[in-house]
N, C-alpha and C. Protein backbone atom coordinates (compact mmCIF):
# COMPACT_ATOMS: atom_id res chain seq x y z
N UNK A 1 -13.03 75.30 13.74
CA UNK A 1 -11.91 75.00 14.59
C UNK A 1 -11.49 76.42 15.12
N UNK A 2 -11.24 76.42 16.47
CA UNK A 2 -10.80 77.67 17.18
C UNK A 2 -9.36 77.92 16.83
N UNK A 3 -9.06 79.26 16.75
CA UNK A 3 -7.68 79.67 16.51
C UNK A 3 -7.08 79.93 17.92
N UNK A 4 -5.85 79.54 18.11
CA UNK A 4 -5.24 79.68 19.47
C UNK A 4 -5.20 81.17 19.81
N UNK A 5 -5.47 81.50 21.01
CA UNK A 5 -5.65 82.79 21.63
C UNK A 5 -4.62 82.74 22.82
N UNK A 6 -4.31 83.92 23.50
CA UNK A 6 -3.49 83.91 24.71
C UNK A 6 -3.95 83.09 25.80
N UNK A 7 -5.43 83.04 25.94
CA UNK A 7 -6.05 82.25 26.97
C UNK A 7 -5.92 80.78 26.74
N UNK A 8 -5.94 80.33 25.38
CA UNK A 8 -5.78 78.95 25.00
C UNK A 8 -4.32 78.58 25.19
N UNK A 9 -3.48 79.38 24.88
CA UNK A 9 -1.94 79.01 25.18
C UNK A 9 -1.67 78.80 26.59
N UNK A 10 -2.30 79.76 27.42
CA UNK A 10 -2.10 79.55 28.89
C UNK A 10 -2.74 78.27 29.47
N UNK A 11 -3.98 77.95 28.89
CA UNK A 11 -4.68 76.75 29.25
C UNK A 11 -3.81 75.53 28.91
N UNK A 12 -3.21 75.54 27.63
CA UNK A 12 -2.41 74.38 27.24
C UNK A 12 -1.16 74.24 28.19
N UNK A 13 -0.52 75.30 28.43
CA UNK A 13 0.63 75.23 29.35
C UNK A 13 0.29 74.80 30.67
N UNK A 14 -0.85 75.32 31.16
CA UNK A 14 -1.28 74.92 32.55
C UNK A 14 -1.56 73.47 32.50
N UNK A 15 -2.39 72.88 31.65
CA UNK A 15 -2.75 71.50 31.59
C UNK A 15 -1.45 70.58 31.45
N UNK A 16 -0.66 70.95 30.53
CA UNK A 16 0.62 70.15 30.30
C UNK A 16 1.53 70.20 31.55
N UNK A 17 1.76 71.34 32.12
CA UNK A 17 2.61 71.45 33.26
C UNK A 17 2.20 70.80 34.53
N UNK A 18 0.79 70.59 34.69
CA UNK A 18 0.27 70.00 35.83
C UNK A 18 0.22 68.52 35.62
N UNK A 19 0.29 68.09 34.42
CA UNK A 19 0.20 66.61 34.24
C UNK A 19 1.57 65.83 34.23
N UNK A 20 2.64 66.70 34.49
CA UNK A 20 3.95 66.01 34.49
C UNK A 20 4.85 66.75 35.56
N UNK A 21 5.90 66.11 35.85
CA UNK A 21 6.77 66.75 36.89
C UNK A 21 7.59 67.87 36.25
N UNK A 22 7.92 67.82 34.92
CA UNK A 22 8.75 68.88 34.32
C UNK A 22 7.74 70.04 34.13
N UNK A 23 8.19 71.17 34.62
CA UNK A 23 7.34 72.39 34.48
C UNK A 23 7.60 73.21 33.24
N UNK A 24 8.68 72.93 32.48
CA UNK A 24 8.98 73.52 31.17
C UNK A 24 8.21 72.87 30.14
N UNK A 25 7.31 73.48 29.37
CA UNK A 25 6.39 72.85 28.48
C UNK A 25 6.96 73.23 27.07
N UNK A 26 7.39 72.19 26.28
CA UNK A 26 7.94 72.49 24.94
C UNK A 26 6.92 72.81 23.89
N UNK A 27 7.35 73.54 22.91
CA UNK A 27 6.50 73.91 21.79
C UNK A 27 5.82 72.66 21.18
N UNK A 28 6.58 71.59 20.94
CA UNK A 28 5.95 70.40 20.30
C UNK A 28 4.82 69.91 21.16
N UNK A 29 4.90 69.93 22.53
CA UNK A 29 3.84 69.57 23.35
C UNK A 29 2.55 70.43 23.26
N UNK A 30 2.94 71.78 23.07
CA UNK A 30 1.69 72.63 22.89
C UNK A 30 1.09 72.45 21.56
N UNK A 31 1.80 72.16 20.52
CA UNK A 31 1.27 71.78 19.19
C UNK A 31 0.42 70.60 19.35
N UNK A 32 0.89 69.52 19.97
CA UNK A 32 0.20 68.27 20.20
C UNK A 32 -1.10 68.54 20.90
N UNK A 33 -1.04 69.43 21.92
CA UNK A 33 -2.23 69.75 22.69
C UNK A 33 -3.31 70.45 21.78
N UNK A 34 -2.79 71.39 20.93
CA UNK A 34 -3.68 72.00 20.06
C UNK A 34 -4.39 71.05 19.10
N UNK A 35 -3.61 70.15 18.56
CA UNK A 35 -4.19 69.24 17.62
C UNK A 35 -5.25 68.29 18.29
N UNK A 36 -4.89 67.82 19.54
CA UNK A 36 -5.74 66.99 20.30
C UNK A 36 -7.11 67.67 20.67
N UNK A 37 -6.99 68.97 20.94
CA UNK A 37 -8.15 69.75 21.37
C UNK A 37 -8.79 70.56 20.24
N UNK A 38 -8.46 70.34 19.03
CA UNK A 38 -9.14 71.04 17.87
C UNK A 38 -8.85 72.42 17.80
N UNK A 39 -7.64 72.88 18.16
CA UNK A 39 -7.25 74.37 18.10
C UNK A 39 -6.26 74.54 16.96
N UNK A 40 -6.53 75.65 16.23
CA UNK A 40 -5.62 75.85 15.05
C UNK A 40 -4.34 76.76 15.63
N UNK A 41 -3.24 76.24 15.55
CA UNK A 41 -2.08 76.96 15.95
C UNK A 41 -1.33 77.70 14.80
N UNK A 42 -1.80 77.37 13.55
CA UNK A 42 -1.24 78.05 12.34
C UNK A 42 -1.90 79.41 12.02
N UNK A 43 -3.19 79.40 12.00
CA UNK A 43 -3.98 80.61 11.57
C UNK A 43 -3.81 80.72 10.11
N UNK A 44 -4.40 81.83 9.59
CA UNK A 44 -4.45 82.02 8.16
C UNK A 44 -3.05 82.29 7.55
N UNK A 45 -2.02 82.74 8.34
CA UNK A 45 -0.80 82.98 7.83
C UNK A 45 0.18 81.80 7.77
N UNK A 46 -0.25 80.75 8.42
CA UNK A 46 0.60 79.45 8.31
C UNK A 46 1.86 79.63 9.14
N UNK A 47 2.68 78.53 9.16
CA UNK A 47 3.94 78.50 9.85
C UNK A 47 3.81 78.94 11.33
N UNK A 48 2.82 78.48 12.02
CA UNK A 48 2.56 78.65 13.45
C UNK A 48 2.36 80.23 13.85
N UNK A 49 1.98 81.04 12.82
CA UNK A 49 1.87 82.42 13.12
C UNK A 49 0.83 82.76 14.19
N UNK A 50 -0.28 82.05 14.21
CA UNK A 50 -1.36 82.23 15.24
C UNK A 50 -0.76 81.99 16.64
N UNK A 51 0.03 80.94 16.81
CA UNK A 51 0.74 80.66 18.03
C UNK A 51 1.72 81.73 18.53
N UNK A 52 2.49 82.22 17.56
CA UNK A 52 3.44 83.31 17.91
C UNK A 52 2.69 84.54 18.28
N UNK A 53 1.55 84.89 17.52
CA UNK A 53 0.78 86.04 17.97
C UNK A 53 0.13 85.92 19.31
N UNK A 54 -0.36 84.72 19.62
CA UNK A 54 -0.89 84.54 21.04
C UNK A 54 0.17 84.66 22.07
N UNK A 55 1.39 84.18 21.71
CA UNK A 55 2.49 84.31 22.65
C UNK A 55 2.77 85.80 22.99
N UNK A 56 2.85 86.51 21.85
CA UNK A 56 3.23 87.95 21.98
C UNK A 56 2.13 88.78 22.76
N UNK A 57 0.85 88.41 22.39
CA UNK A 57 -0.27 89.06 23.05
C UNK A 57 -0.33 88.70 24.62
N UNK A 58 0.00 87.49 24.91
CA UNK A 58 0.12 87.07 26.33
C UNK A 58 1.19 87.83 27.04
N UNK A 59 2.27 88.06 26.41
CA UNK A 59 3.36 88.82 27.00
C UNK A 59 3.02 90.32 27.19
N UNK A 60 2.20 90.83 26.26
CA UNK A 60 1.79 92.23 26.34
C UNK A 60 0.64 92.42 27.39
N UNK A 61 -0.03 91.40 27.57
CA UNK A 61 -1.27 91.56 28.46
C UNK A 61 -1.08 91.01 29.87
N UNK A 62 -1.59 89.88 30.28
CA UNK A 62 -1.66 89.39 31.59
C UNK A 62 -0.28 88.89 32.04
N UNK A 63 0.53 88.50 31.21
CA UNK A 63 1.94 87.91 31.63
C UNK A 63 1.89 86.76 32.55
N UNK A 64 1.19 85.71 32.15
CA UNK A 64 1.11 84.62 33.01
C UNK A 64 2.09 83.54 32.80
N UNK A 65 2.76 83.75 31.58
CA UNK A 65 3.79 82.73 31.14
C UNK A 65 5.24 83.27 31.08
N UNK A 66 6.17 82.42 31.27
CA UNK A 66 7.55 82.69 31.00
C UNK A 66 7.88 81.99 29.68
N UNK A 67 8.67 82.60 28.81
CA UNK A 67 9.08 81.99 27.56
C UNK A 67 10.57 81.70 27.51
N UNK A 68 10.92 80.53 26.97
CA UNK A 68 12.28 80.06 26.92
C UNK A 68 12.59 79.72 25.45
N UNK A 69 13.80 79.89 25.12
CA UNK A 69 14.26 79.43 23.78
C UNK A 69 15.66 78.90 23.70
N UNK A 70 15.99 78.10 22.76
CA UNK A 70 17.29 77.50 22.73
C UNK A 70 18.32 78.25 21.74
N UNK A 71 17.81 79.26 21.02
CA UNK A 71 18.68 80.01 20.20
C UNK A 71 17.85 81.16 19.62
N UNK A 72 18.49 81.87 18.58
CA UNK A 72 17.84 83.05 18.07
C UNK A 72 17.18 82.77 16.70
N UNK A 73 17.32 81.69 16.07
CA UNK A 73 16.70 81.49 14.76
C UNK A 73 15.39 80.89 14.89
N UNK A 74 14.55 80.83 13.85
CA UNK A 74 13.17 80.44 13.89
C UNK A 74 13.19 78.92 14.19
N UNK A 75 14.20 78.14 13.85
CA UNK A 75 14.22 76.72 14.09
C UNK A 75 14.53 76.39 15.47
N UNK A 76 14.90 77.33 16.29
CA UNK A 76 15.19 77.01 17.70
C UNK A 76 14.08 76.51 18.37
N UNK A 77 14.36 75.63 19.48
CA UNK A 77 13.23 75.16 20.26
C UNK A 77 12.75 76.19 21.15
N UNK A 78 11.41 76.03 21.45
CA UNK A 78 10.86 77.07 22.35
C UNK A 78 9.96 76.30 23.41
N UNK A 79 9.77 77.06 24.42
CA UNK A 79 8.94 76.49 25.55
C UNK A 79 8.38 77.46 26.43
N UNK A 80 7.41 77.24 27.21
CA UNK A 80 6.82 78.10 28.22
C UNK A 80 6.69 77.43 29.50
N UNK A 81 6.41 78.23 30.57
CA UNK A 81 6.12 77.80 31.88
C UNK A 81 5.21 78.84 32.53
N UNK A 82 4.49 78.35 33.54
CA UNK A 82 3.73 79.25 34.27
C UNK A 82 4.60 80.05 35.24
N UNK A 83 4.28 81.26 35.47
CA UNK A 83 5.16 82.00 36.38
C UNK A 83 5.25 81.36 37.67
N UNK A 84 4.22 80.70 38.20
CA UNK A 84 4.23 80.05 39.53
C UNK A 84 5.30 78.98 39.43
N UNK A 85 5.56 78.39 38.36
CA UNK A 85 6.64 77.33 38.21
C UNK A 85 7.94 77.82 37.85
N UNK A 86 8.25 79.07 37.93
CA UNK A 86 9.40 79.74 37.38
C UNK A 86 10.68 79.07 37.79
N UNK A 87 10.95 78.80 39.07
CA UNK A 87 12.22 78.19 39.55
C UNK A 87 12.48 76.85 38.87
N UNK A 88 11.46 75.92 38.87
CA UNK A 88 11.69 74.68 38.21
C UNK A 88 11.89 74.71 36.76
N UNK A 89 11.13 75.68 36.12
CA UNK A 89 11.29 75.80 34.77
C UNK A 89 12.60 76.42 34.34
N UNK A 90 13.10 77.38 35.06
CA UNK A 90 14.40 77.96 34.85
C UNK A 90 15.54 76.84 35.03
N UNK A 91 15.43 76.03 36.04
CA UNK A 91 16.30 74.95 36.33
C UNK A 91 16.25 74.00 35.05
N UNK A 92 15.16 73.63 34.59
CA UNK A 92 15.00 72.68 33.48
C UNK A 92 15.62 73.30 32.17
N UNK A 93 15.41 74.63 31.97
CA UNK A 93 15.85 75.34 30.84
C UNK A 93 17.36 75.45 30.82
N UNK A 94 17.93 75.74 32.10
CA UNK A 94 19.35 75.70 32.23
C UNK A 94 20.04 74.38 31.87
N UNK A 95 19.49 73.32 32.22
CA UNK A 95 19.99 71.95 31.80
C UNK A 95 20.00 71.70 30.33
N UNK A 96 19.01 72.30 29.61
CA UNK A 96 18.91 72.28 28.19
C UNK A 96 19.69 73.36 27.46
N UNK A 97 20.31 74.26 28.24
CA UNK A 97 21.10 75.43 27.77
C UNK A 97 20.10 76.38 27.00
N UNK A 98 18.73 76.41 27.48
CA UNK A 98 17.85 77.45 26.92
C UNK A 98 17.93 78.64 27.77
N UNK A 99 17.46 79.78 27.21
CA UNK A 99 17.51 80.97 27.95
C UNK A 99 16.16 81.63 27.94
N UNK A 100 15.83 82.41 28.93
CA UNK A 100 14.52 83.00 29.10
C UNK A 100 14.52 84.29 28.24
N UNK A 101 13.28 84.59 27.66
CA UNK A 101 13.12 85.69 26.84
C UNK A 101 11.99 86.61 27.55
N UNK A 102 12.18 87.87 27.44
CA UNK A 102 11.25 88.82 28.02
C UNK A 102 10.78 89.78 26.89
N UNK A 103 9.44 90.05 26.89
CA UNK A 103 8.93 91.11 25.91
C UNK A 103 9.09 92.42 26.43
N UNK A 104 9.77 93.38 25.63
CA UNK A 104 10.01 94.70 26.19
C UNK A 104 8.91 95.64 25.55
N UNK A 105 7.93 95.23 24.85
CA UNK A 105 6.93 96.04 24.31
C UNK A 105 7.08 96.27 22.82
N UNK A 106 8.32 95.88 22.31
CA UNK A 106 8.55 96.01 20.91
C UNK A 106 9.12 94.67 20.34
N UNK A 107 9.91 94.02 21.16
CA UNK A 107 10.65 92.86 20.69
C UNK A 107 10.97 91.92 21.86
N UNK A 108 11.35 90.70 21.62
CA UNK A 108 11.78 89.80 22.67
C UNK A 108 13.22 90.06 22.93
N UNK A 109 13.53 90.22 24.23
CA UNK A 109 14.91 90.43 24.73
C UNK A 109 15.38 89.20 25.51
N UNK A 110 16.63 88.78 25.45
CA UNK A 110 17.10 87.68 26.16
C UNK A 110 17.52 88.08 27.62
N UNK A 111 17.02 87.41 28.55
CA UNK A 111 17.38 87.66 29.92
C UNK A 111 18.85 87.22 30.05
N UNK A 112 19.72 88.17 30.37
CA UNK A 112 21.12 87.96 30.47
C UNK A 112 21.97 88.62 29.29
N UNK A 113 21.22 89.18 28.35
CA UNK A 113 21.79 89.90 27.31
C UNK A 113 21.86 89.38 25.90
N UNK A 114 22.18 88.05 25.76
CA UNK A 114 22.38 87.61 24.40
C UNK A 114 21.72 86.12 24.30
N UNK A 115 21.53 85.81 23.15
CA UNK A 115 20.96 84.47 22.85
C UNK A 115 21.91 83.41 23.22
N UNK A 116 21.46 82.17 23.61
CA UNK A 116 22.47 81.06 23.89
C UNK A 116 23.11 80.75 22.61
N UNK A 117 24.29 80.27 22.75
CA UNK A 117 25.07 79.71 21.65
C UNK A 117 24.69 78.26 21.46
N UNK A 118 24.25 77.93 20.32
CA UNK A 118 23.75 76.62 19.92
C UNK A 118 24.94 75.79 19.55
N UNK A 119 25.22 74.68 20.20
CA UNK A 119 26.32 73.81 19.95
C UNK A 119 25.89 73.05 18.68
N UNK A 120 26.67 73.12 17.72
CA UNK A 120 26.45 72.33 16.44
C UNK A 120 26.85 70.84 16.59
N UNK A 121 25.98 70.04 16.14
CA UNK A 121 26.25 68.65 16.09
C UNK A 121 27.21 68.30 15.01
N UNK A 122 28.04 67.40 15.19
CA UNK A 122 28.93 67.03 14.06
C UNK A 122 28.15 66.57 12.83
N UNK A 123 28.71 66.84 11.73
CA UNK A 123 27.96 66.45 10.46
C UNK A 123 28.03 64.95 10.25
N UNK A 124 27.00 64.22 10.47
CA UNK A 124 26.88 62.77 10.41
C UNK A 124 27.42 62.27 9.08
N UNK A 125 27.08 62.95 8.01
CA UNK A 125 27.48 62.53 6.65
C UNK A 125 29.02 62.53 6.46
N UNK A 126 29.60 63.57 7.01
CA UNK A 126 31.17 63.72 6.90
C UNK A 126 31.69 62.64 7.79
N UNK A 127 31.24 62.41 8.95
CA UNK A 127 31.70 61.34 9.81
C UNK A 127 31.62 59.99 9.22
N UNK A 128 30.42 59.71 8.66
CA UNK A 128 30.24 58.39 7.92
C UNK A 128 31.23 58.27 6.84
N UNK A 129 31.39 59.22 6.02
CA UNK A 129 32.35 59.05 4.81
C UNK A 129 33.70 58.90 5.25
N UNK A 130 34.24 59.49 6.37
CA UNK A 130 35.57 59.39 6.84
C UNK A 130 35.69 57.93 7.43
N UNK A 131 34.63 57.46 8.17
CA UNK A 131 34.76 56.13 8.66
C UNK A 131 34.70 55.13 7.54
N UNK A 132 34.01 55.29 6.44
CA UNK A 132 33.92 54.41 5.38
C UNK A 132 35.36 54.25 4.68
N UNK A 133 35.97 55.49 4.55
CA UNK A 133 37.23 55.42 3.85
C UNK A 133 38.30 54.77 4.78
N UNK A 134 38.09 54.72 6.02
CA UNK A 134 39.06 54.04 6.92
C UNK A 134 38.80 52.53 6.82
N UNK A 135 37.72 52.07 6.48
CA UNK A 135 37.44 50.55 6.42
C UNK A 135 37.33 50.04 5.07
N UNK A 136 37.52 50.93 4.06
CA UNK A 136 37.49 50.40 2.67
C UNK A 136 38.41 49.31 2.29
N UNK A 137 39.62 49.41 2.90
CA UNK A 137 40.65 48.43 2.59
C UNK A 137 40.30 47.11 3.23
N UNK A 138 39.34 46.95 4.23
CA UNK A 138 38.96 45.76 4.76
C UNK A 138 37.87 44.97 3.95
N UNK A 139 37.15 45.73 3.23
CA UNK A 139 36.09 45.18 2.45
C UNK A 139 36.65 44.41 1.18
N UNK A 140 37.62 44.87 0.62
CA UNK A 140 38.16 44.24 -0.67
C UNK A 140 39.14 43.13 -0.34
N UNK A 141 39.39 42.80 0.86
CA UNK A 141 40.45 41.71 1.16
C UNK A 141 39.67 40.33 0.96
N UNK A 142 40.48 39.46 0.39
CA UNK A 142 39.99 38.15 0.20
C UNK A 142 39.82 37.39 1.52
N UNK A 143 38.81 36.59 1.64
CA UNK A 143 38.54 35.86 2.90
C UNK A 143 38.93 34.43 2.77
N UNK A 144 39.37 33.94 3.89
CA UNK A 144 39.78 32.56 3.99
C UNK A 144 38.57 31.77 4.60
N UNK A 145 38.19 30.71 3.95
CA UNK A 145 37.06 29.91 4.51
C UNK A 145 37.71 28.68 5.16
N UNK A 146 37.44 28.47 6.41
CA UNK A 146 37.98 27.31 7.13
C UNK A 146 36.84 26.31 7.22
N UNK A 147 37.11 25.07 6.75
CA UNK A 147 35.94 24.07 6.61
C UNK A 147 36.16 22.98 7.57
């Protein structure tokens, strides 16, 4: 199995962005492309390390891709776009509240200064328990059967 390289990352983004109207290609789509095409995106280090190495090498070298991310943690969503599709990709990223990242030679910097603030979803467990406590009194009520 081939390990992903900067060239294969660009090939994935190119193929995926040409096959759809959205020009921002998400990480999950690149991973699916790798699995479909027999490309190892994990590498020996695991945890998608080969993919992140290819991403960094691409940014150091040819710079054919733009990178976008939804936040600063590792669990943030990430995506790429071809430079030629930059305007449409930036528009799609803005709708998702993702921001562009640039490689400065040592680290990724956020275009515009800082990482986007990720809006936290309400805790579903807390909401469910508060809703249950509001309806508890209804459950224990005797029911009248009309015949």
